[in-house]
């Protein structure tokens, strides 16, 4: 009887240990550092490769002795990507509007590069995509502004509660 009781106790401890290991919050806390580290490492690689691509583009412009509007758009895209990475490292979050702005710039570059050879409907579709993305960026900036105001109000409420308690 004791053997059976000990087996059940061991089995119960085993299942409790498995449950503890797989517990959502506990597992999230243990794995969270891997997400942060891999995200930062990948963004560092993207930043370095963006700088390499930028230098290559500048070298190509220098060798051609010509800088066109598509080249400037491309440099602007590189600058926006580097800015997005900088924003992540300073705030630990990427504002949603930055990738949208990069997409708008890329579409504008595409329109400028292909405007002479492209059919009118394709050009209208690309311009429509720019309009939709611009509207999305504007709406997201309003949302960010509202979120920041809410955060400030919450901080002020907390400070006033702390003052009232003292």
N, C-alpha and C. Protein backbone atom coordinates (compact mmCIF):
# COMPACT_ATOMS: atom_id res chain seq x y z
N UNK A 1 0.82 -1.19 0.00
CA UNK A 1 0.00 0.00 0.00
C UNK A 1 0.87 1.25 0.00
N UNK A 2 1.97 1.22 0.79
CA UNK A 2 2.87 2.37 0.82
C UNK A 2 3.52 2.60 -0.54
N UNK A 3 3.85 1.53 -1.22
CA UNK A 3 4.48 1.63 -2.54
C UNK A 3 3.54 2.35 -3.50
N UNK A 4 2.27 1.97 -3.46
CA UNK A 4 1.28 2.58 -4.34
C UNK A 4 1.09 4.05 -3.96
N UNK A 5 1.05 4.35 -2.70
CA UNK A 5 0.89 5.72 -2.23
C UNK A 5 2.10 6.57 -2.64
N UNK A 6 3.31 5.99 -2.53
CA UNK A 6 4.53 6.71 -2.93
C UNK A 6 4.54 6.96 -4.44
N UNK A 7 4.07 5.97 -5.21
CA UNK A 7 4.01 6.15 -6.67
C UNK A 7 3.04 7.27 -7.03
N UNK A 8 1.91 7.30 -6.37
CA UNK A 8 0.93 8.35 -6.62
C UNK A 8 1.48 9.72 -6.23
N UNK A 9 2.20 9.75 -5.12
CA UNK A 9 2.80 11.00 -4.64
C UNK A 9 3.87 11.49 -5.64
N UNK A 10 4.71 10.55 -6.11
CA UNK A 10 5.73 10.90 -7.10
C UNK A 10 5.08 11.39 -8.39
N UNK A 11 4.02 10.69 -8.80
CA UNK A 11 3.31 11.07 -10.02
C UNK A 11 2.69 12.45 -9.85
N UNK A 12 2.12 12.71 -8.69
CA UNK A 12 1.51 14.00 -8.40
C UNK A 12 2.57 15.11 -8.42
N UNK A 13 3.73 14.84 -7.82
CA UNK A 13 4.81 15.83 -7.84
C UNK A 13 5.30 16.08 -9.25
N UNK A 14 5.38 15.01 -10.05
CA UNK A 14 5.81 15.13 -11.44
C UNK A 14 4.85 16.03 -12.21
N UNK A 15 3.55 15.79 -12.07
CA UNK A 15 2.56 16.58 -12.79
C UNK A 15 2.54 18.03 -12.29
N UNK A 16 2.74 18.22 -11.01
CA UNK A 16 2.81 19.59 -10.48
C UNK A 16 4.02 20.33 -11.04
N UNK A 17 5.14 19.61 -11.14
CA UNK A 17 6.35 20.23 -11.70
C UNK A 17 6.13 20.59 -13.17
N UNK A 18 5.49 19.71 -13.93
CA UNK A 18 5.19 19.98 -15.35
C UNK A 18 4.25 21.17 -15.46
N UNK A 19 3.22 21.20 -14.62
CA UNK A 19 2.29 22.34 -14.64
C UNK A 19 3.01 23.64 -14.32
N UNK A 20 3.91 23.61 -13.35
CA UNK A 20 4.65 24.81 -12.97
C UNK A 20 5.55 25.27 -14.13
N UNK A 21 6.19 24.32 -14.80
CA UNK A 21 7.05 24.66 -15.93
C UNK A 21 6.27 25.28 -17.08
N UNK A 22 5.09 24.75 -17.31
CA UNK A 22 4.28 25.20 -18.44
C UNK A 22 3.29 26.29 -18.08
N UNK A 23 3.28 26.70 -16.83
CA UNK A 23 2.39 27.77 -16.41
C UNK A 23 2.64 29.00 -17.29
N UNK A 24 1.59 29.59 -17.79
CA UNK A 24 1.70 30.65 -18.80
C UNK A 24 2.60 31.80 -18.35
N UNK A 25 2.34 32.40 -17.23
CA UNK A 25 3.13 33.54 -16.80
C UNK A 25 4.57 33.16 -16.50
N UNK A 26 4.75 32.03 -15.87
CA UNK A 26 6.09 31.57 -15.53
C UNK A 26 6.89 31.29 -16.80
N UNK A 27 6.27 30.61 -17.75
CA UNK A 27 6.93 30.30 -19.01
C UNK A 27 7.22 31.58 -19.79
N UNK A 28 6.27 32.48 -19.80
CA UNK A 28 6.48 33.76 -20.49
C UNK A 28 7.67 34.51 -19.90
N UNK A 29 7.76 34.54 -18.57
CA UNK A 29 8.87 35.25 -17.94
C UNK A 29 10.21 34.61 -18.29
N UNK A 30 10.25 33.28 -18.33
CA UNK A 30 11.51 32.60 -18.64
C UNK A 30 11.90 32.75 -20.10
N UNK A 31 10.94 32.84 -21.00
CA UNK A 31 11.25 32.94 -22.42
C UNK A 31 11.30 34.39 -22.92
N UNK A 32 10.85 35.33 -22.14
CA UNK A 32 10.77 36.73 -22.55
C UNK A 32 12.14 37.28 -22.94
N UNK A 33 13.19 36.92 -22.22
CA UNK A 33 14.52 37.46 -22.52
C UNK A 33 14.99 37.02 -23.89
N UNK A 34 14.57 35.81 -24.33
CA UNK A 34 14.99 35.36 -25.66
C UNK A 34 14.35 36.20 -26.75
N UNK A 35 13.11 36.57 -26.54
CA UNK A 35 12.42 37.43 -27.50
C UNK A 35 13.09 38.79 -27.58
N UNK A 36 13.38 39.37 -26.44
CA UNK A 36 14.02 40.69 -26.42
C UNK A 36 15.40 40.63 -27.06
N UNK A 37 16.18 39.63 -26.68
CA UNK A 37 17.55 39.52 -27.22
C UNK A 37 17.53 39.28 -28.72
N UNK A 38 16.67 38.39 -29.19
CA UNK A 38 16.64 38.11 -30.63
C UNK A 38 16.12 39.30 -31.42
N UNK A 39 15.16 40.01 -30.86
CA UNK A 39 14.62 41.20 -31.54
C UNK A 39 15.69 42.28 -31.65
N UNK A 40 16.42 42.52 -30.57
CA UNK A 40 17.48 43.52 -30.61
C UNK A 40 18.61 43.12 -31.53
N UNK A 41 18.97 41.84 -31.53
CA UNK A 41 20.05 41.36 -32.41
C UNK A 41 19.64 41.49 -33.87
N UNK A 42 18.40 41.09 -34.17
CA UNK A 42 17.93 41.18 -35.55
C UNK A 42 17.85 42.63 -36.02
N UNK A 43 17.39 43.52 -35.17
CA UNK A 43 17.34 44.93 -35.54
C UNK A 43 18.73 45.51 -35.73
N UNK A 44 19.70 45.04 -34.93
CA UNK A 44 21.09 45.49 -35.12
C UNK A 44 21.61 45.04 -36.48
N UNK A 45 21.30 43.80 -36.85
CA UNK A 45 21.72 43.30 -38.16
C UNK A 45 21.05 44.11 -39.28
N UNK A 46 19.76 44.38 -39.13
CA UNK A 46 19.04 45.18 -40.13
C UNK A 46 19.66 46.57 -40.23
N UNK A 47 20.01 47.17 -39.09
CA UNK A 47 20.65 48.49 -39.10
C UNK A 47 21.98 48.48 -39.82
N UNK A 48 22.79 47.47 -39.53
CA UNK A 48 24.11 47.37 -40.18
C UNK A 48 23.95 47.16 -41.68
N UNK A 49 23.05 46.26 -42.07
CA UNK A 49 22.83 46.01 -43.49
C UNK A 49 22.21 47.21 -44.21
N UNK A 50 21.41 47.98 -43.50
CA UNK A 50 20.86 49.22 -44.08
C UNK A 50 21.98 50.20 -44.35
N UNK A 51 22.91 50.33 -43.41
CA UNK A 51 24.05 51.21 -43.63
C UNK A 51 24.91 50.74 -44.80
N UNK A 52 25.10 49.42 -44.91
CA UNK A 52 25.86 48.87 -46.04
C UNK A 52 25.16 49.20 -47.36
N UNK A 53 23.85 49.00 -47.41
CA UNK A 53 23.09 49.29 -48.63
C UNK A 53 23.15 50.79 -48.96
N UNK A 54 23.11 51.62 -47.93
CA UNK A 54 23.20 53.07 -48.13
C UNK A 54 24.56 53.45 -48.73
N UNK A 55 25.62 52.89 -48.19
CA UNK A 55 26.96 53.17 -48.72
C UNK A 55 27.07 52.68 -50.16
N UNK A 56 26.51 51.51 -50.45
CA UNK A 56 26.53 50.99 -51.82
C UNK A 56 25.77 51.91 -52.77
N UNK A 57 24.63 52.41 -52.35
CA UNK A 57 23.85 53.32 -53.19
C UNK A 57 24.60 54.63 -53.44
N UNK A 58 25.22 55.15 -52.41
CA UNK A 58 25.99 56.39 -52.56
C UNK A 58 27.18 56.16 -53.48
N UNK A 59 27.84 55.02 -53.34
CA UNK A 59 28.98 54.70 -54.23
C UNK A 59 28.52 54.58 -55.68
N UNK A 60 27.35 53.98 -55.89
CA UNK A 60 26.81 53.85 -57.24
C UNK A 60 26.49 55.22 -57.83
N UNK A 61 25.88 56.09 -57.01
CA UNK A 61 25.59 57.45 -57.48
C UNK A 61 26.88 58.19 -57.82
N UNK A 62 27.88 58.00 -57.00
CA UNK A 62 29.17 58.66 -57.23
C UNK A 62 29.81 58.16 -58.53
N UNK A 63 29.73 56.85 -58.76
CA UNK A 63 30.34 56.29 -59.97
C UNK A 63 29.60 56.74 -61.24
N UNK A 64 28.29 56.98 -61.14
CA UNK A 64 27.50 57.44 -62.29
C UNK A 64 27.57 58.95 -62.46
N UNK A 65 27.98 59.64 -61.45
CA UNK A 65 27.98 61.10 -61.41
C UNK A 65 26.58 61.65 -61.68
N UNK A 66 25.58 60.95 -61.11
CA UNK A 66 24.19 61.38 -61.30
C UNK A 66 23.39 60.97 -60.07
N UNK A 67 22.58 61.91 -59.60
CA UNK A 67 21.67 61.63 -58.48
C UNK A 67 20.28 62.00 -58.96
N UNK A 68 19.42 61.00 -59.04
CA UNK A 68 18.05 61.24 -59.47
C UNK A 68 17.08 61.21 -58.29
N UNK A 69 15.85 61.56 -58.58
CA UNK A 69 14.81 61.55 -57.54
C UNK A 69 14.61 60.16 -56.94
N UNK A 70 14.62 59.08 -57.72
CA UNK A 70 14.51 57.74 -57.12
C UNK A 70 15.66 57.44 -56.15
N UNK A 71 16.86 57.95 -56.47
CA UNK A 71 18.00 57.75 -55.57
C UNK A 71 17.77 58.46 -54.24
N UNK A 72 17.22 59.66 -54.30
CA UNK A 72 16.94 60.41 -53.07
C UNK A 72 15.86 59.73 -52.24
N UNK A 73 14.83 59.21 -52.92
CA UNK A 73 13.80 58.46 -52.20
C UNK A 73 14.40 57.24 -51.51
N UNK A 74 15.31 56.56 -52.21
CA UNK A 74 15.94 55.38 -51.62
C UNK A 74 16.76 55.76 -50.39
N UNK A 75 17.50 56.85 -50.46
CA UNK A 75 18.27 57.31 -49.29
C UNK A 75 17.33 57.69 -48.15
N UNK A 76 16.19 58.29 -48.50
CA UNK A 76 15.21 58.64 -47.48
C UNK A 76 14.66 57.38 -46.81
N UNK A 77 14.42 56.32 -47.59
CA UNK A 77 13.94 55.06 -47.03
C UNK A 77 14.98 54.50 -46.05
N UNK A 78 16.24 54.55 -46.45
CA UNK A 78 17.31 54.08 -45.56
C UNK A 78 17.31 54.90 -44.26
N UNK A 79 17.17 56.20 -44.39
CA UNK A 79 17.15 57.06 -43.19
C UNK A 79 15.97 56.72 -42.28
N UNK A 80 14.82 56.44 -42.89
CA UNK A 80 13.63 56.08 -42.10
C UNK A 80 13.82 54.74 -41.39
N UNK A 81 14.45 53.79 -42.05
CA UNK A 81 14.69 52.49 -41.42
C UNK A 81 15.64 52.66 -40.24
N UNK A 82 16.69 53.43 -40.42
CA UNK A 82 17.63 53.68 -39.32
C UNK A 82 16.93 54.43 -38.19
N UNK A 83 16.06 55.38 -38.55
CA UNK A 83 15.29 56.10 -37.53
C UNK A 83 14.35 55.20 -36.77
N UNK A 84 13.75 54.24 -37.47
CA UNK A 84 12.85 53.29 -36.81
C UNK A 84 13.62 52.41 -35.83
N UNK A 85 14.81 51.99 -36.23
CA UNK A 85 15.63 51.18 -35.33
C UNK A 85 16.06 52.01 -34.12
N UNK A 86 16.42 53.27 -34.36
CA UNK A 86 16.78 54.16 -33.24
C UNK A 86 15.62 54.37 -32.29
N UNK A 87 14.41 54.51 -32.85
CA UNK A 87 13.22 54.68 -32.01
C UNK A 87 12.99 53.44 -31.16
N UNK A 88 13.22 52.26 -31.74
CA UNK A 88 13.04 51.03 -30.96
C UNK A 88 14.04 50.98 -29.81
N UNK A 89 15.31 51.30 -30.09
CA UNK A 89 16.33 51.21 -29.04
C UNK A 89 16.11 52.25 -27.94
N UNK A 90 15.52 53.40 -28.27
CA UNK A 90 15.31 54.40 -27.23
C UNK A 90 14.02 54.19 -26.45
N UNK A 91 12.99 53.59 -27.08
CA UNK A 91 11.70 53.43 -26.38
C UNK A 91 11.29 51.98 -26.20
N UNK A 92 12.02 51.04 -26.76
CA UNK A 92 11.69 49.60 -26.73
C UNK A 92 10.37 49.27 -27.42
N UNK A 93 9.95 50.13 -28.32
CA UNK A 93 8.77 49.83 -29.14
C UNK A 93 8.93 50.54 -30.48
N UNK A 94 8.32 49.97 -31.50
CA UNK A 94 8.35 50.57 -32.83
C UNK A 94 6.99 51.21 -33.08
N UNK A 95 6.97 52.53 -33.24
CA UNK A 95 5.69 53.17 -33.57
C UNK A 95 5.17 52.64 -34.90
N UNK A 96 3.90 52.35 -34.96
CA UNK A 96 3.29 51.75 -36.15
C UNK A 96 3.39 52.69 -37.35
N UNK A 97 3.41 53.98 -37.10
CA UNK A 97 3.43 54.93 -38.20
C UNK A 97 4.72 54.89 -39.01
N UNK A 98 5.84 54.55 -38.39
CA UNK A 98 7.11 54.56 -39.12
C UNK A 98 7.15 53.55 -40.27
N UNK A 99 6.76 52.29 -40.07
CA UNK A 99 6.73 51.38 -41.22
C UNK A 99 5.74 51.83 -42.31
N UNK A 100 4.65 52.47 -41.89
CA UNK A 100 3.68 52.97 -42.88
C UNK A 100 4.31 54.09 -43.70
N UNK A 101 5.05 54.97 -43.05
CA UNK A 101 5.72 56.06 -43.76
C UNK A 101 6.78 55.50 -44.71
N UNK A 102 7.47 54.46 -44.28
CA UNK A 102 8.46 53.82 -45.16
C UNK A 102 7.76 53.23 -46.39
N UNK A 103 6.60 52.61 -46.19
CA UNK A 103 5.85 52.04 -47.31
C UNK A 103 5.38 53.13 -48.27
N UNK A 104 4.92 54.26 -47.73
CA UNK A 104 4.50 55.38 -48.58
C UNK A 104 5.68 55.89 -49.40
N UNK A 105 6.82 56.04 -48.77
CA UNK A 105 8.01 56.50 -49.48
C UNK A 105 8.42 55.52 -50.57
N UNK A 106 8.36 54.22 -50.26
CA UNK A 106 8.70 53.21 -51.26
C UNK A 106 7.74 53.25 -52.44
N UNK A 107 6.45 53.44 -52.18
CA UNK A 107 5.48 53.54 -53.27
C UNK A 107 5.72 54.80 -54.10
N UNK A 108 6.04 55.90 -53.44
CA UNK A 108 6.34 57.13 -54.18
C UNK A 108 7.57 56.93 -55.08
N UNK A 109 8.56 56.26 -54.57
CA UNK A 109 9.75 55.97 -55.37
C UNK A 109 9.37 55.11 -56.58
N UNK A 110 8.52 54.12 -56.35
CA UNK A 110 8.08 53.26 -57.43
C UNK A 110 7.32 54.06 -58.50
N UNK A 111 6.45 54.96 -58.05
CA UNK A 111 5.69 55.79 -58.99
C UNK A 111 6.63 56.66 -59.82
N UNK A 112 7.61 57.28 -59.16
CA UNK A 112 8.55 58.15 -59.87
C UNK A 112 9.37 57.34 -60.87
N UNK A 113 9.81 56.14 -60.47
CA UNK A 113 10.66 55.33 -61.35
C UNK A 113 9.90 54.78 -62.55
N UNK A 114 8.62 54.44 -62.37
CA UNK A 114 7.88 53.74 -63.42
C UNK A 114 6.81 54.59 -64.09
N UNK A 115 6.73 55.86 -63.76
CA UNK A 115 5.60 56.67 -64.22
C UNK A 115 5.50 56.77 -65.74
N UNK A 116 6.59 56.74 -66.46
CA UNK A 116 6.53 56.90 -67.92
C UNK A 116 6.11 55.62 -68.64
N UNK A 117 6.49 54.46 -68.09
CA UNK A 117 6.18 53.20 -68.76
C UNK A 117 4.92 52.53 -68.24
N UNK A 118 4.35 53.01 -67.16
CA UNK A 118 3.24 52.33 -66.49
C UNK A 118 1.90 52.75 -67.07
N UNK A 119 0.97 51.80 -67.07
CA UNK A 119 -0.40 52.10 -67.50
C UNK A 119 -1.05 53.02 -66.48
N UNK A 120 -2.04 53.75 -66.92
CA UNK A 120 -2.71 54.73 -66.07
C UNK A 120 -3.40 54.06 -64.87
N UNK A 121 -4.01 52.90 -65.10
CA UNK A 121 -4.71 52.22 -64.00
C UNK A 121 -3.75 51.76 -62.92
N UNK A 122 -2.57 51.29 -63.30
CA UNK A 122 -1.57 50.87 -62.32
C UNK A 122 -1.10 52.08 -61.52
N UNK A 123 -0.90 53.19 -62.22
CA UNK A 123 -0.49 54.42 -61.55
C UNK A 123 -1.55 54.90 -60.57
N UNK A 124 -2.82 54.81 -60.98
CA UNK A 124 -3.92 55.19 -60.09
C UNK A 124 -4.00 54.26 -58.88
N UNK A 125 -3.77 52.97 -59.10
CA UNK A 125 -3.79 52.02 -57.98
C UNK A 125 -2.66 52.31 -57.00
N UNK A 126 -1.48 52.62 -57.50
CA UNK A 126 -0.36 52.95 -56.62
C UNK A 126 -0.64 54.24 -55.86
N UNK A 127 -1.21 55.23 -56.56
CA UNK A 127 -1.56 56.49 -55.89
C UNK A 127 -2.64 56.26 -54.83
N UNK A 128 -3.60 55.37 -55.13
CA UNK A 128 -4.63 55.02 -54.15
C UNK A 128 -4.03 54.35 -52.93
N UNK A 129 -3.02 53.50 -53.16
CA UNK A 129 -2.35 52.83 -52.04
C UNK A 129 -1.63 53.87 -51.18
N UNK A 130 -1.01 54.86 -51.81
CA UNK A 130 -0.36 55.93 -51.05
C UNK A 130 -1.39 56.67 -50.21
N UNK A 131 -2.54 56.95 -50.79
CA UNK A 131 -3.61 57.65 -50.06
C UNK A 131 -4.11 56.83 -48.87
N UNK A 132 -4.34 55.55 -49.08
CA UNK A 132 -4.81 54.68 -47.99
C UNK A 132 -3.77 54.59 -46.88
N UNK A 133 -2.51 54.39 -47.26
CA UNK A 133 -1.45 54.31 -46.24
C UNK A 133 -1.29 55.64 -45.50
N UNK A 134 -1.41 56.74 -46.21
CA UNK A 134 -1.31 58.05 -45.56
C UNK A 134 -2.44 58.25 -44.56
N UNK A 135 -3.64 57.85 -44.95
CA UNK A 135 -4.78 57.95 -44.02
C UNK A 135 -4.56 57.06 -42.81
N UNK A 136 -4.02 55.86 -43.03
CA UNK A 136 -3.74 54.95 -41.91
C UNK A 136 -2.70 55.55 -40.98
N UNK A 137 -1.66 56.16 -41.54
CA UNK A 137 -0.64 56.78 -40.70
C UNK A 137 -1.23 57.92 -39.88
N UNK A 138 -2.11 58.70 -40.50
CA UNK A 138 -2.75 59.82 -39.78
C UNK A 138 -3.64 59.29 -38.65
N UNK A 139 -4.42 58.27 -38.93
CA UNK A 139 -5.30 57.69 -37.90
C UNK A 139 -4.47 57.11 -36.76
N UNK A 140 -3.39 56.42 -37.10
CA UNK A 140 -2.54 55.84 -36.06
C UNK A 140 -1.86 56.93 -35.23
N UNK A 141 -1.50 58.05 -35.85
CA UNK A 141 -0.89 59.13 -35.08
C UNK A 141 -1.90 59.74 -34.12
N UNK A 142 -3.18 59.82 -34.53
CA UNK A 142 -4.23 60.29 -33.62
C UNK A 142 -4.40 59.33 -32.45
N UNK A 143 -4.34 58.03 -32.75
CA UNK A 143 -4.46 57.02 -31.70
C UNK A 143 -3.29 57.13 -30.72
N UNK A 144 -2.08 57.30 -31.26
CA UNK A 144 -0.91 57.46 -30.39
C UNK A 144 -1.05 58.70 -29.52
N UNK A 145 -1.54 59.78 -30.10
CA UNK A 145 -1.73 61.03 -29.36
C UNK A 145 -2.74 60.82 -28.23
N UNK A 146 -3.84 60.13 -28.53
CA UNK A 146 -4.87 59.86 -27.52
C UNK A 146 -4.31 58.95 -26.42
N UNK A 147 -3.49 57.96 -26.81
CA UNK A 147 -2.89 57.06 -25.82
C UNK A 147 -1.94 57.82 -24.90
N UNK A 148 -1.15 58.72 -25.46
CA UNK A 148 -0.23 59.51 -24.64
C UNK A 148 -0.99 60.43 -23.69
N UNK A 149 -2.08 61.03 -24.17
CA UNK A 149 -2.90 61.88 -23.29
C UNK A 149 -3.51 61.07 -22.16
N UNK A 150 -3.98 59.86 -22.49
CA UNK A 150 -4.55 58.98 -21.46
C UNK A 150 -3.50 58.61 -20.42
N UNK A 151 -2.30 58.34 -20.89
CA UNK A 151 -1.20 57.99 -20.00
C UNK A 151 -0.86 59.16 -19.08
N UNK A 152 -0.80 60.37 -19.65
CA UNK A 152 -0.53 61.56 -18.83
C UNK A 152 -1.62 61.79 -17.80
N UNK A 153 -2.89 61.63 -18.21
CA UNK A 153 -4.00 61.79 -17.28
C UNK A 153 -3.92 60.77 -16.15
N UNK A 154 -3.57 59.54 -16.50
CA UNK A 154 -3.44 58.48 -15.50
C UNK A 154 -2.32 58.82 -14.51
N UNK A 155 -1.20 59.32 -15.02
CA UNK A 155 -0.09 59.72 -14.15
C UNK A 155 -0.50 60.86 -13.22
N UNK A 156 -1.23 61.85 -13.76
CA UNK A 156 -1.69 62.98 -12.94
C UNK A 156 -2.66 62.51 -11.87
N UNK A 157 -3.56 61.59 -12.24
CA UNK A 157 -4.51 61.05 -11.26
C UNK A 157 -3.77 60.31 -10.14
N UNK A 158 -2.76 59.54 -10.52
CA UNK A 158 -1.99 58.79 -9.53
C UNK A 158 -1.23 59.76 -8.60
N UNK A 159 -0.65 60.82 -9.18
CA UNK A 159 0.06 61.79 -8.35
C UNK A 159 -0.88 62.51 -7.41
N UNK A 160 -2.07 62.87 -7.91
CA UNK A 160 -3.03 63.55 -7.03
C UNK A 160 -3.53 62.61 -5.94
N UNK A 161 -3.67 61.32 -6.23
CA UNK A 161 -4.06 60.34 -5.21
C UNK A 161 -2.96 60.21 -4.17
N UNK A 162 -1.69 60.21 -4.61
CA UNK A 162 -0.57 60.12 -3.69
C UNK A 162 -0.50 61.34 -2.78
N UNK A 163 -0.77 62.52 -3.34
CA UNK A 163 -0.76 63.76 -2.54
C UNK A 163 -1.91 63.74 -1.55
N UNK A 164 -3.07 63.24 -1.96
CA UNK A 164 -4.24 63.18 -1.08
C UNK A 164 -4.03 62.22 0.08
N UNK A 165 -3.24 61.17 -0.12
CA UNK A 165 -2.98 60.20 0.95
C UNK A 165 -2.02 60.77 1.97
N UNK A 166 -1.13 61.65 1.53
CA UNK A 166 -0.14 62.22 2.46
C UNK A 166 -0.76 63.35 3.16
